[in-house]
C-alpha atoms as a PDB file:
ATOM      1  CA  MET A   1     -56.445  -9.517 -22.489  1.00  0.00           C
ATOM      2  CA  SER A   2     -53.314 -11.621 -22.467  1.00  0.00           C
ATOM      3  CA  VAL A   3     -49.527 -11.771 -22.590  1.00  0.00           C
ATOM      4  CA  ILE A   4     -48.114 -10.956 -26.035  1.00  0.00           C
ATOM      5  CA  VAL A   5     -44.381 -11.381 -26.644  1.00  0.00           C
ATOM      6  CA  GLN A   6     -42.956  -9.824 -29.815  1.00  0.00           C
ATOM      7  CA  GLY A   7     -39.364 -10.327 -30.975  1.00  0.00           C
ATOM      8  CA  LEU A   8     -38.058 -10.409 -27.408  1.00  0.00           C
ATOM      9  CA  SER A   9     -34.272 -10.694 -27.071  1.00  0.00           C
ATOM     10  CA  LYS A  10     -31.786 -10.456 -24.229  1.00  0.00           C
ATOM     11  CA  HIS A  11     -28.045 -10.354 -24.845  1.00  0.00           C
ATOM     12  CA  PHE A  12     -25.295 -10.594 -22.243  1.00  0.00           C
ATOM     13  CA  GLY A  13     -22.274  -9.397 -24.153  1.00  0.00           C
ATOM     14  CA  THR A  14     -21.989 -11.697 -27.155  1.00  0.00           C
ATOM     15  CA  GLN A  15     -24.219 -14.360 -25.601  1.00  0.00           C
ATOM     16  CA  LYS A  16     -27.843 -14.382 -26.761  1.00  0.00           C
ATOM     17  CA  ALA A  17     -29.797 -15.699 -23.774  1.00  0.00           C
ATOM     18  CA  VAL A  18     -33.105 -15.032 -25.569  1.00  0.00           C
ATOM     19  CA  ASP A  19     -33.191 -14.514 -29.318  1.00  0.00           C
ATOM     20  CA  ASN A  20     -36.165 -12.960 -31.159  1.00  0.00           C
ATOM     21  CA  LEU A  21     -38.809 -14.799 -29.143  1.00  0.00           C
ATOM     22  CA  SER A  22     -42.518 -14.368 -29.964  1.00  0.00           C
ATOM     23  CA  PHE A  23     -45.561 -16.106 -28.482  1.00  0.00           C
ATOM     24  CA  GLU A  24     -48.900 -15.380 -26.795  1.00  0.00           C
ATOM     25  CA  ALA A  25     -50.658 -16.598 -23.655  1.00  0.00           C
ATOM     26  CA  HIS A  26     -54.369 -16.078 -23.035  1.00  0.00           C
ATOM     27  CA  PRO A  27     -56.873 -16.305 -20.149  1.00  0.00           C
ATOM     28  CA  GLY A  28     -58.455 -19.682 -19.527  1.00  0.00           C
ATOM     29  CA  GLN A  29     -55.366 -21.451 -20.832  1.00  0.00           C
ATOM     30  CA  ILE A  30     -52.344 -22.807 -18.972  1.00  0.00           C
ATOM     31  CA  LEU A  31     -49.230 -22.352 -21.088  1.00  0.00           C
ATOM     32  CA  GLY A  32     -46.301 -24.665 -20.422  1.00  0.00           C
ATOM     33  CA  PHE A  33     -43.026 -22.789 -20.914  1.00  0.00           C
ATOM     34  CA  LEU A  34     -40.320 -25.396 -21.403  1.00  0.00           C
ATOM     35  CA  GLY A  35     -36.666 -25.734 -22.249  1.00  0.00           C
ATOM     36  CA  PRO A  36     -33.454 -27.327 -20.945  1.00  0.00           C
ATOM     37  CA  ASN A  37     -31.326 -25.574 -18.345  1.00  0.00           C
ATOM     38  CA  GLY A  38     -29.798 -22.442 -19.833  1.00  0.00           C
ATOM     39  CA  ALA A  39     -32.394 -22.203 -22.604  1.00  0.00           C
ATOM     40  CA  GLY A  40     -33.545 -18.721 -21.520  1.00  0.00           C
ATOM     41  CA  LYS A  41     -36.771 -19.528 -19.647  1.00  0.00           C
ATOM     42  CA  THR A  42     -35.987 -17.661 -16.438  1.00  0.00           C
ATOM     43  CA  THR A  43     -34.524 -14.703 -18.351  1.00  0.00           C
ATOM     44  CA  THR A  44     -37.761 -14.464 -20.367  1.00  0.00           C
ATOM     45  CA  MET A  45     -39.875 -14.599 -17.215  1.00  0.00           C
ATOM     46  CA  LYS A  46     -37.798 -11.866 -15.593  1.00  0.00           C
ATOM     47  CA  MET A  47     -38.294  -9.653 -18.650  1.00  0.00           C
ATOM     48  CA  LEU A  48     -42.064 -10.227 -18.549  1.00  0.00           C
ATOM     49  CA  CYS A  49     -42.050  -9.261 -14.864  1.00  0.00           C
ATOM     50  CA  CYS A  50     -39.963  -6.140 -15.603  1.00  0.00           C
ATOM     51  CA  TYR A  51     -37.018  -7.289 -13.487  1.00  0.00           C
ATOM     52  CA  THR A  52     -34.718  -7.357 -16.539  1.00  0.00           C
ATOM     53  CA  GLU A  53     -34.856  -5.029 -19.534  1.00  0.00           C
ATOM     54  CA  PRO A  54     -34.894  -6.643 -22.989  1.00  0.00           C
ATOM     55  CA  THR A  55     -32.130  -5.857 -25.456  1.00  0.00           C
ATOM     56  CA  GLU A  56     -34.596  -5.896 -28.345  1.00  0.00           C
ATOM     57  CA  GLY A  57     -38.306  -6.430 -28.868  1.00  0.00           C
ATOM     58  CA  THR A  58     -41.018  -6.013 -26.295  1.00  0.00           C
ATOM     59  CA  ALA A  59     -44.015  -7.635 -24.621  1.00  0.00           C
ATOM     60  CA  SER A  60     -47.349  -6.501 -23.272  1.00  0.00           C
ATOM     61  CA  VAL A  61     -49.221  -7.778 -20.224  1.00  0.00           C
ATOM     62  CA  GLU A  62     -52.941  -7.030 -20.138  1.00  0.00           C
ATOM     63  CA  GLY A  63     -52.285  -4.289 -22.687  1.00  0.00           C
ATOM     64  CA  TYR A  64     -49.436  -2.619 -20.754  1.00  0.00           C
ATOM     65  CA  ASP A  65     -46.001  -2.488 -22.365  1.00  0.00           C
ATOM     66  CA  ILE A  66     -43.124  -3.851 -20.253  1.00  0.00           C
ATOM     67  CA  LYS A  67     -40.864  -0.998 -21.385  1.00  0.00           C
ATOM     68  CA  THR A  68     -43.163   1.992 -21.013  1.00  0.00           C
ATOM     69  CA  SER A  69     -45.453   0.868 -18.162  1.00  0.00           C
ATOM     70  CA  PRO A  70     -43.450  -1.451 -15.876  1.00  0.00           C
ATOM     71  CA  LEU A  71     -45.330  -0.531 -12.680  1.00  0.00           C
ATOM     72  CA  LEU A  72     -48.708  -1.229 -14.282  1.00  0.00           C
ATOM     73  CA  VAL A  73     -47.362  -4.532 -15.660  1.00  0.00           C
ATOM     74  CA  ARG A  74     -46.219  -5.626 -12.211  1.00  0.00           C
ATOM     75  CA  LYS A  75     -49.668  -4.964 -10.793  1.00  0.00           C
ATOM     76  CA  GLN A  76     -51.116  -7.464 -13.254  1.00  0.00           C
ATOM     77  CA  ILE A  77     -48.643 -10.237 -12.461  1.00  0.00           C
ATOM     78  CA  GLY A  78     -48.261 -12.785  -9.701  1.00  0.00           C
ATOM     79  CA  TYR A  79     -44.752 -14.260  -9.914  1.00  0.00           C
ATOM     80  CA  LEU A  80     -43.311 -17.322  -8.209  1.00  0.00           C
ATOM     81  CA  PRO A  81     -39.608 -17.572  -9.117  1.00  0.00           C
ATOM     82  CA  GLU A  82     -37.731 -20.861  -9.178  1.00  0.00           C
ATOM     83  CA  HIS A  83     -35.671 -19.889  -6.133  1.00  0.00           C
ATOM     84  CA  ASN A  84     -38.486 -18.799  -3.869  1.00  0.00           C
ATOM     85  CA  PRO A  85     -37.312 -15.713  -1.896  1.00  0.00           C
ATOM     86  CA  LEU A  86     -39.031 -15.505   1.488  1.00  0.00           C
ATOM     87  CA  TYR A  87     -38.419 -13.689   4.772  1.00  0.00           C
ATOM     88  CA  GLU A  88     -37.589 -16.807   6.751  1.00  0.00           C
ATOM     89  CA  GLU A  89     -37.645 -15.073  10.154  1.00  0.00           C
ATOM     90  CA  MET A  90     -41.289 -14.027   9.718  1.00  0.00           C
ATOM     91  CA  TYR A  91     -44.380 -16.034  10.611  1.00  0.00           C
ATOM     92  CA  VAL A  92     -46.448 -17.244   7.657  1.00  0.00           C
ATOM     93  CA  LYS A  93     -49.484 -15.118   8.472  1.00  0.00           C
ATOM     94  CA  GLU A  94     -47.300 -12.119   9.316  1.00  0.00           C
ATOM     95  CA  PHE A  95     -45.543 -12.425   5.954  1.00  0.00           C
ATOM     96  CA  LEU A  96     -48.837 -12.553   4.069  1.00  0.00           C
ATOM     97  CA  GLN A  97     -50.038  -9.476   5.984  1.00  0.00           C
ATOM     98  CA  PHE A  98     -46.842  -7.722   4.907  1.00  0.00           C
ATOM     99  CA  VAL A  99     -47.359  -8.684   1.242  1.00  0.00           C
ATOM    100  CA  ALA A 100     -51.030  -7.657   1.394  1.00  0.00           C
ATOM    101  CA  SER A 101     -49.973  -4.243   2.736  1.00  0.00           C
ATOM    102  CA  ILE A 102     -47.526  -3.763  -0.126  1.00  0.00           C
ATOM    103  CA  HIS A 103     -50.353  -4.419  -2.596  1.00  0.00           C
ATOM    104  CA  ARG A 104     -52.689  -2.142  -0.595  1.00  0.00           C
ATOM    105  CA  ILE A 105     -55.341  -4.833  -0.450  1.00  0.00           C
ATOM    106  CA  GLU A 106     -58.653  -3.868   1.078  1.00  0.00           C
ATOM    107  CA  ASN A 107     -60.114  -6.265   3.656  1.00  0.00           C
ATOM    108  CA  LYS A 108     -56.709  -7.821   4.293  1.00  0.00           C
ATOM    109  CA  VAL A 109     -58.020 -10.127   7.006  1.00  0.00           C
ATOM    110  CA  GLY A 110     -60.595 -11.742   4.741  1.00  0.00           C
ATOM    111  CA  ARG A 111     -58.273 -12.046   1.769  1.00  0.00           C
ATOM    112  CA  ILE A 112     -55.447 -13.583   3.813  1.00  0.00           C
ATOM    113  CA  SER A 113     -57.871 -16.075   5.324  1.00  0.00           C
ATOM    114  CA  ASP A 114     -59.062 -17.074   1.845  1.00  0.00           C
ATOM    115  CA  ILE A 115     -55.522 -17.474   0.526  1.00  0.00           C
ATOM    116  CA  ILE A 116     -54.416 -19.555   3.505  1.00  0.00           C
ATOM    117  CA  GLU A 117     -57.330 -21.905   2.876  1.00  0.00           C
ATOM    118  CA  MET A 118     -56.687 -22.041  -0.893  1.00  0.00           C
ATOM    119  CA  THR A 119     -53.026 -22.968  -0.470  1.00  0.00           C
ATOM    120  CA  GLY A 120     -53.491 -25.380   2.443  1.00  0.00           C
ATOM    121  CA  LEU A 121     -51.471 -23.333   4.924  1.00  0.00           C
ATOM    122  CA  GLY A 122     -54.001 -23.446   7.755  1.00  0.00           C
ATOM    123  CA  LYS A 123     -51.943 -25.592  10.119  1.00  0.00           C
ATOM    124  CA  GLU A 124     -48.741 -23.723   9.272  1.00  0.00           C
ATOM    125  CA  GLN A 125     -49.964 -20.117   9.397  1.00  0.00           C
ATOM    126  CA  ASN A 126     -48.569 -19.444  12.872  1.00  0.00           C
ATOM    127  CA  LYS A 127     -45.180 -21.016  12.210  1.00  0.00           C
ATOM    128  CA  ILE A 128     -41.932 -19.271  11.310  1.00  0.00           C
ATOM    129  CA  ILE A 129     -41.255 -19.636   7.575  1.00  0.00           C
ATOM    130  CA  GLY A 130     -37.682 -20.788   8.188  1.00  0.00           C
ATOM    131  CA  THR A 131     -38.945 -23.863  10.056  1.00  0.00           C
ATOM    132  CA  LEU A 132     -41.207 -25.052   7.227  1.00  0.00           C
ATOM    133  CA  SER A 133     -40.445 -27.880   4.824  1.00  0.00           C
ATOM    134  CA  LYS A 134     -39.545 -27.014   1.238  1.00  0.00           C
ATOM    135  CA  GLY A 135     -43.031 -28.027   0.118  1.00  0.00           C
ATOM    136  CA  TYR A 136     -44.748 -25.643   2.513  1.00  0.00           C
ATOM    137  CA  ARG A 137     -42.356 -22.849   1.590  1.00  0.00           C
ATOM    138  CA  GLN A 138     -43.498 -23.343  -1.994  1.00  0.00           C
ATOM    139  CA  ARG A 139     -47.083 -22.959  -0.790  1.00  0.00           C
ATOM    140  CA  VAL A 140     -46.159 -19.699   0.944  1.00  0.00           C
ATOM    141  CA  GLY A 141     -44.510 -18.504  -2.280  1.00  0.00           C
ATOM    142  CA  LEU A 142     -47.629 -19.356  -4.263  1.00  0.00           C
ATOM    143  CA  ALA A 143     -49.792 -17.621  -1.663  1.00  0.00           C
ATOM    144  CA  GLN A 144     -47.833 -14.363  -2.009  1.00  0.00           C
ATOM    145  CA  ALA A 145     -48.054 -14.646  -5.817  1.00  0.00           C
ATOM    146  CA  ILE A 146     -51.875 -14.800  -5.856  1.00  0.00           C
ATOM    147  CA  ILE A 147     -52.805 -12.725  -2.819  1.00  0.00           C
ATOM    148  CA  HIS A 148     -53.484  -9.577  -4.885  1.00  0.00           C
ATOM    149  CA  ASP A 149     -55.665 -11.539  -7.343  1.00  0.00           C
ATOM    150  CA  PRO A 150     -53.466 -10.873 -10.396  1.00  0.00           C
ATOM    151  CA  LYS A 151     -54.753 -11.467 -13.902  1.00  0.00           C
ATOM    152  CA  VAL A 152     -51.513 -13.150 -14.973  1.00  0.00           C
ATOM    153  CA  LEU A 153     -49.590 -15.835 -13.084  1.00  0.00           C
ATOM    154  CA  ILE A 154     -45.995 -16.669 -13.961  1.00  0.00           C
ATOM    155  CA  LEU A 155     -44.933 -19.788 -12.090  1.00  0.00           C
ATOM    156  CA  ASP A 156     -41.356 -21.046 -12.358  1.00  0.00           C
ATOM    157  CA  GLU A 157     -41.176 -24.654 -11.071  1.00  0.00           C
ATOM    158  CA  PRO A 158     -44.131 -24.170  -8.657  1.00  0.00           C
ATOM    159  CA  THR A 159     -44.367 -27.856  -7.652  1.00  0.00           C
ATOM    160  CA  SER A 160     -40.689 -28.236  -6.790  1.00  0.00           C
ATOM    161  CA  GLY A 161     -40.214 -30.002  -3.458  1.00  0.00           C
ATOM    162  CA  LEU A 162     -43.834 -31.042  -2.976  1.00  0.00           C
ATOM    163  CA  ASP A 163     -44.763 -34.554  -1.887  1.00  0.00           C
ATOM    164  CA  MET A 164     -47.451 -36.409  -3.843  1.00  0.00           C
ATOM    165  CA  ASN A 165     -50.396 -35.189  -1.750  1.00  0.00           C
ATOM    166  CA  GLN A 166     -49.168 -31.595  -1.816  1.00  0.00           C
ATOM    167  CA  LEU A 167     -48.497 -31.849  -5.531  1.00  0.00           C
ATOM    168  CA  LEU A 168     -52.055 -32.965  -6.268  1.00  0.00           C
ATOM    169  CA  ASP A 169     -53.460 -30.124  -4.137  1.00  0.00           C
ATOM    170  CA  ILE A 170     -51.342 -27.441  -5.825  1.00  0.00           C
ATOM    171  CA  ARG A 171     -52.001 -28.929  -9.267  1.00  0.00           C
ATOM    172  CA  SER A 172     -55.735 -28.682  -8.580  1.00  0.00           C
ATOM    173  CA  LEU A 173     -55.342 -25.069  -7.423  1.00  0.00           C
ATOM    174  CA  ILE A 174     -53.351 -24.081 -10.537  1.00  0.00           C
ATOM    175  CA  LYS A 175     -55.988 -25.710 -12.755  1.00  0.00           C
ATOM    176  CA  GLU A 176     -58.719 -23.752 -10.989  1.00  0.00           C
ATOM    177  CA  LEU A 177     -56.797 -20.479 -11.281  1.00  0.00           C
ATOM    178  CA  GLY A 178     -56.146 -21.214 -14.951  1.00  0.00           C
ATOM    179  CA  LYS A 179     -59.871 -21.171 -15.744  1.00  0.00           C
ATOM    180  CA  GLU A 180     -59.969 -17.369 -15.490  1.00  0.00           C
ATOM    181  CA  LYS A 181     -56.368 -16.179 -15.402  1.00  0.00           C
ATOM    182  CA  THR A 182     -53.493 -16.279 -17.857  1.00  0.00           C
ATOM    183  CA  VAL A 183     -51.020 -18.828 -16.470  1.00  0.00           C
ATOM    184  CA  ILE A 184     -47.474 -19.357 -17.720  1.00  0.00           C
ATOM    185  CA  PHE A 185     -46.097 -22.466 -16.076  1.00  0.00           C
ATOM    186  CA  SER A 186     -42.504 -23.676 -16.219  1.00  0.00           C
ATOM    187  CA  SER A 187     -41.477 -27.161 -15.150  1.00  0.00           C
ATOM    188  CA  HIS A 188     -38.853 -29.811 -15.841  1.00  0.00           C
ATOM    189  CA  ILE A 189     -41.363 -32.547 -14.971  1.00  0.00           C
ATOM    190  CA  MET A 190     -43.063 -33.625 -18.169  1.00  0.00           C
ATOM    191  CA  GLN A 191     -45.851 -35.447 -16.295  1.00  0.00           C
ATOM    192  CA  GLU A 192     -46.780 -32.113 -14.735  1.00  0.00           C
ATOM    193  CA  VAL A 193     -46.832 -30.449 -18.115  1.00  0.00           C
ATOM    194  CA  GLN A 194     -49.110 -33.128 -19.556  1.00  0.00           C
ATOM    195  CA  ALA A 195     -51.413 -32.953 -16.535  1.00  0.00           C
ATOM    196  CA  LEU A 196     -51.704 -29.163 -16.349  1.00  0.00           C
ATOM    197  CA  CYS A 197     -51.007 -27.469 -19.654  1.00  0.00           C
ATOM    198  CA  ASP A 198     -53.201 -26.791 -22.678  1.00  0.00           C
ATOM    199  CA  ARG A 199     -50.361 -25.462 -24.825  1.00  0.00           C
ATOM    200  CA  VAL A 200     -46.592 -25.542 -24.691  1.00  0.00           C
ATOM    201  CA  VAL A 201     -43.902 -23.156 -25.828  1.00  0.00           C
ATOM    202  CA  ILE A 202     -40.494 -24.839 -26.023  1.00  0.00           C
ATOM    203  CA  ILE A 203     -37.297 -22.827 -26.347  1.00  0.00           C
ATOM    204  CA  ASN A 204     -33.770 -24.034 -26.979  1.00  0.00           C
ATOM    205  CA  ASN A 205     -30.670 -21.819 -26.891  1.00  0.00           C
ATOM    206  CA  GLY A 206     -32.987 -18.830 -26.554  1.00  0.00           C
ATOM    207  CA  ASN A 207     -34.889 -19.694 -29.742  1.00  0.00           C
ATOM    208  CA  LEU A 208     -38.476 -20.834 -30.177  1.00  0.00           C
ATOM    209  CA  VAL A 209     -38.614 -24.471 -31.352  1.00  0.00           C
ATOM    210  CA  ALA A 210     -42.298 -25.276 -30.678  1.00  0.00           C
ATOM    211  CA  ASP A 211     -45.540 -23.432 -29.949  1.00  0.00           C
ATOM    212  CA  GLU A 212     -48.358 -25.962 -30.077  1.00  0.00           C
ATOM    213  CA  SER A 213     -51.180 -27.581 -28.169  1.00  0.00           C
ATOM    214  CA  ILE A 214     -50.429 -30.673 -26.111  1.00  0.00           C
ATOM    215  CA  ASP A 215     -52.623 -32.701 -28.470  1.00  0.00           C
ATOM    216  CA  THR A 216     -50.657 -31.508 -31.505  1.00  0.00           C
ATOM    217  CA  LEU A 217     -47.393 -32.470 -29.836  1.00  0.00           C
ATOM    218  CA  ARG A 218     -48.768 -35.896 -29.028  1.00  0.00           C
ATOM    219  CA  ASN A 219     -49.833 -36.326 -32.650  1.00  0.00           C
ATOM    220  CA  ARG A 220     -46.253 -35.641 -33.724  1.00  0.00           C
ATOM    221  CA  MET A 221     -45.235 -38.838 -31.969  1.00  0.00           C
ATOM    222  CA  GLU A 222     -48.320 -40.872 -32.854  1.00  0.00           C
ATOM    223  CA  GLY A 223     -47.247 -44.366 -33.817  1.00  0.00           C
ATOM    224  CA  ASN A 224     -43.798 -43.937 -32.282  1.00  0.00           C
ATOM    225  CA  ARG A 225     -42.674 -46.069 -29.393  1.00  0.00           C
ATOM    226  CA  SER A 226     -39.954 -46.142 -26.783  1.00  0.00           C
ATOM    227  CA  VAL A 227     -37.916 -49.071 -25.520  1.00  0.00           C
ATOM    228  CA  ARG A 228     -36.515 -48.953 -21.997  1.00  0.00           C
ATOM    229  CA  VAL A 229     -33.506 -51.154 -21.298  1.00  0.00           C
ATOM    230  CA  GLU A 230     -31.704 -51.698 -18.007  1.00  0.00           C
ATOM    231  CA  PHE A 231     -28.216 -53.172 -18.252  1.00  0.00           C
ATOM    232  CA  ALA A 232     -26.280 -54.813 -15.432  1.00  0.00           C
ATOM    233  CA  GLN A 233     -23.221 -52.731 -16.322  1.00  0.00           C
ATOM    234  CA  ASN A 234     -22.973 -49.121 -15.100  1.00  0.00           C
ATOM    235  CA  ASN A 235     -20.699 -47.900 -17.891  1.00  0.00           C
ATOM    236  CA  VAL A 236     -23.188 -48.209 -20.774  1.00  0.00           C
ATOM    237  CA  SER A 237     -23.231 -44.943 -22.753  1.00  0.00           C
ATOM    238  CA  THR A 238     -25.890 -43.672 -25.143  1.00  0.00           C
ATOM    239  CA  THR A 239     -23.184 -43.034 -27.754  1.00  0.00           C
ATOM    240  CA  MET A 240     -22.731 -46.801 -28.102  1.00  0.00           C
ATOM    241  CA  PHE A 241     -26.052 -46.948 -29.953  1.00  0.00           C
ATOM    242  CA  ASN A 242     -25.508 -44.145 -32.498  1.00  0.00           C
ATOM    243  CA  GLY A 243     -25.592 -46.560 -35.428  1.00  0.00           C
ATOM    244  CA  PHE A 244     -29.046 -47.969 -34.690  1.00  0.00           C
ATOM    245  CA  LYS A 245     -31.579 -47.505 -37.502  1.00  0.00           C
ATOM    246  CA  ASN A 246     -35.090 -46.099 -36.987  1.00  0.00           C
ATOM    247  CA  VAL A 247     -34.050 -44.578 -33.634  1.00  0.00           C
ATOM    248  CA  ILE A 248     -35.040 -40.931 -33.186  1.00  0.00           C
ATOM    249  CA  ASP A 249     -33.328 -40.402 -29.843  1.00  0.00           C
ATOM    250  CA  VAL A 250     -31.364 -42.275 -27.181  1.00  0.00           C
ATOM    251  CA  ARG A 251     -31.111 -40.983 -23.631  1.00  0.00           C
ATOM    252  CA  LYS A 252     -30.132 -42.206 -20.180  1.00  0.00           C
ATOM    253  CA  GLU A 253     -32.631 -41.850 -17.354  1.00  0.00           C
ATOM    254  CA  GLY A 254     -31.552 -43.272 -14.007  1.00  0.00           C
ATOM    255  CA  GLU A 255     -30.478 -46.860 -14.588  1.00  0.00           C
ATOM    256  CA  GLU A 256     -32.251 -47.132 -17.958  1.00  0.00           C
ATOM    257  CA  ILE A 257     -31.276 -46.437 -21.555  1.00  0.00           C
ATOM    258  CA  ILE A 258     -34.378 -45.180 -23.402  1.00  0.00           C
ATOM    259  CA  PHE A 259     -34.696 -45.513 -27.190  1.00  0.00           C
ATOM    260  CA  THR A 260     -37.363 -43.472 -29.011  1.00  0.00           C
ATOM    261  CA  ILE A 261     -38.256 -45.402 -32.162  1.00  0.00           C
ATOM    262  CA  LYS A 262     -39.807 -44.119 -35.361  1.00  0.00           C
ATOM    263  CA  GLY A 263     -43.064 -45.846 -36.298  1.00  0.00           C
ATOM    264  CA  ASN A 264     -43.712 -49.455 -35.409  1.00  0.00           C
ATOM    265  CA  GLU A 265     -40.197 -50.771 -35.897  1.00  0.00           C
ATOM    266  CA  ASP A 266     -39.129 -53.403 -33.372  1.00  0.00           C
ATOM    267  CA  ILE A 267     -35.473 -53.032 -32.396  1.00  0.00           C
ATOM    268  CA  ARG A 268     -35.496 -55.370 -29.398  1.00  0.00           C
ATOM    269  CA  ALA A 269     -33.669 -58.129 -31.285  1.00  0.00           C
ATOM    270  CA  GLU A 270     -31.075 -55.611 -32.470  1.00  0.00           C
ATOM    271  CA  ILE A 271     -30.540 -54.428 -28.881  1.00  0.00           C
ATOM    272  CA  PHE A 272     -30.249 -58.033 -27.680  1.00  0.00           C
ATOM    273  CA  ASN A 273     -27.717 -58.969 -30.367  1.00  0.00           C
ATOM    274  CA  PHE A 274     -25.730 -55.808 -29.653  1.00  0.00           C
ATOM    275  CA  ALA A 275     -25.657 -56.683 -25.943  1.00  0.00           C
ATOM    276  CA  VAL A 276     -24.393 -60.216 -26.663  1.00  0.00           C
ATOM    277  CA  ALA A 277     -21.714 -58.947 -29.069  1.00  0.00           C
ATOM    278  CA  ASN A 278     -20.492 -56.414 -26.498  1.00  0.00           C
ATOM    279  CA  GLN A 279     -20.761 -58.723 -23.478  1.00  0.00           C
ATOM    280  CA  LEU A 280     -23.524 -56.657 -21.878  1.00  0.00           C
ATOM    281  CA  THR A 281     -26.170 -58.167 -19.619  1.00  0.00           C
ATOM    282  CA  ILE A 282     -29.780 -57.003 -20.016  1.00  0.00           C
ATOM    283  CA  LEU A 283     -31.695 -57.013 -16.730  1.00  0.00           C
ATOM    284  CA  GLU A 284     -34.979 -55.697 -18.180  1.00  0.00           C
ATOM    285  CA  MET A 285     -36.368 -54.527 -21.514  1.00  0.00           C
ATOM    286  CA  LYS A 286     -39.848 -53.083 -22.033  1.00  0.00           C
ATOM    287  CA  THR A 287     -41.717 -51.058 -24.667  1.00  0.00           C
ATOM    288  CA  ASP A 288     -44.074 -48.102 -24.262  1.00  0.00           C
ATOM    289  CA  LYS A 289     -45.693 -45.360 -26.328  1.00  0.00           C
ATOM    290  CA  ALA A 290     -43.642 -42.235 -26.900  1.00  0.00           C
ATOM    291  CA  ASN A 291     -44.803 -39.196 -24.918  1.00  0.00           C
ATOM    292  CA  VAL A 292     -44.298 -35.440 -24.520  1.00  0.00           C
ATOM    293  CA  GLU A 293     -40.953 -36.038 -22.835  1.00  0.00           C
ATOM    294  CA  ASP A 294     -39.716 -37.812 -25.962  1.00  0.00           C
ATOM    295  CA  ILE A 295     -40.787 -34.826 -28.081  1.00  0.00           C
ATOM    296  CA  PHE A 296     -39.055 -32.438 -25.690  1.00  0.00           C
ATOM    297  CA  ARG A 297     -35.866 -34.470 -25.922  1.00  0.00           C
ATOM    298  CA  LYS A 298     -36.019 -34.564 -29.702  1.00  0.00           C
ATOM    299  CA  LEU A 299     -36.435 -30.779 -29.970  1.00  0.00           C
ATOM    300  CA  THR A 300     -33.783 -29.854 -27.390  1.00  0.00           C
ATOM    301  CA  LYS A 301     -31.302 -32.711 -27.337  1.00  0.00           C
ATOM    302  CA  SER A 302     -28.580 -30.627 -29.006  1.00  0.00           C
ATOM    303  CA  THR A 303     -27.934 -28.916 -25.650  1.00  0.00           C
ATOM    304  CA  ILE A 304     -28.313 -31.967 -23.419  1.00  0.00           C
ATOM    305  CA  ASP A 305     -25.392 -34.158 -22.433  1.00  0.00           C
ATOM    306  CA  VAL A 306     -26.118 -37.890 -22.611  1.00  0.00           C
END
C-alpha cells in the first residue's frame, strides 16, 4: 500500500495554504517533499497525519481515508514534526516507555532496547531529555516516531541540528527504513535530498510544481552550469544582474552571488566587465555544474527574496 493524495486543499479564510495537491508515495521509496517557507509543506503533513482537516479533497494512508478513518490512519504513521515536541522533564528511556505504552506495544522492553540501539541513544538513555543537545533531541523524536513500527514515516526536517557524524548515522537509518516503509522526507538542505531521496515533490504557494525522480530533475539541468562569485563589497544585490543574457537564475548564498547559466555559455568575462564598470572588486570566481538546488530555485524563486 502507499500514501495517495487526491486534490488536497486547505484554506485559511481567503488564503489557500494548499491548493488541489495530488501525488503518491510508495514503499521502498524515499519521497522528498520540498518547497520554500510558507509553501504548504507542514500543512500538508498535518493533514496526512489527521491533525488538520482538509478543506477539499482527501488522501489515503495504507488504504485508510484521512477523513473517515483518522484513528486507523494514525496507527499507520510515524511522524516527526519540524518543531520536535518532547517531555523535557522525562528521562529518555522513561519517555520511550511512555510512548510504547500509548501504542500498546507488546514486549516493550525488547522493542525499546532495539530502538535505542537503532537511533544511537545508548549513552543518553538515562539522561533527562531537557539536558540533551538539539541533535540528540532529534534522535529521541525519531525514536518515538518509529517505535511502533509504522508502515509510513513522515519526517519534517529530521536532520535539523545534527553534527556531521550524527547526520551520517541518521541518514543511514532513514535509508534502511526506506527499503520497506513509505517515507516522506522534508528538508531545506538540498544535499540531504540528493543523498536520500528517490523522488521529489516540490510545491510552491500550495501548488504542485514538480513530481519527478531525482535523475529526471538532474537531466533538466544537464549541460547547465553555475558561476559562483564573491565580491569584496557587501552591498552587491542580485537585482544588479537582471540584464544578463543566458542566466536562468541569480541568488545570494552567504558571501557569494550564484549565477545559474543555460547551456555552455561562459559569462565570466561579462561578470568581470560589469564589476570593472561598477567599481566592484571580485575576490573569487569559480564555475560548477548546476544541481538540484538550482532546479529548486528555478521552480520556486517567485516566492524567495533575493
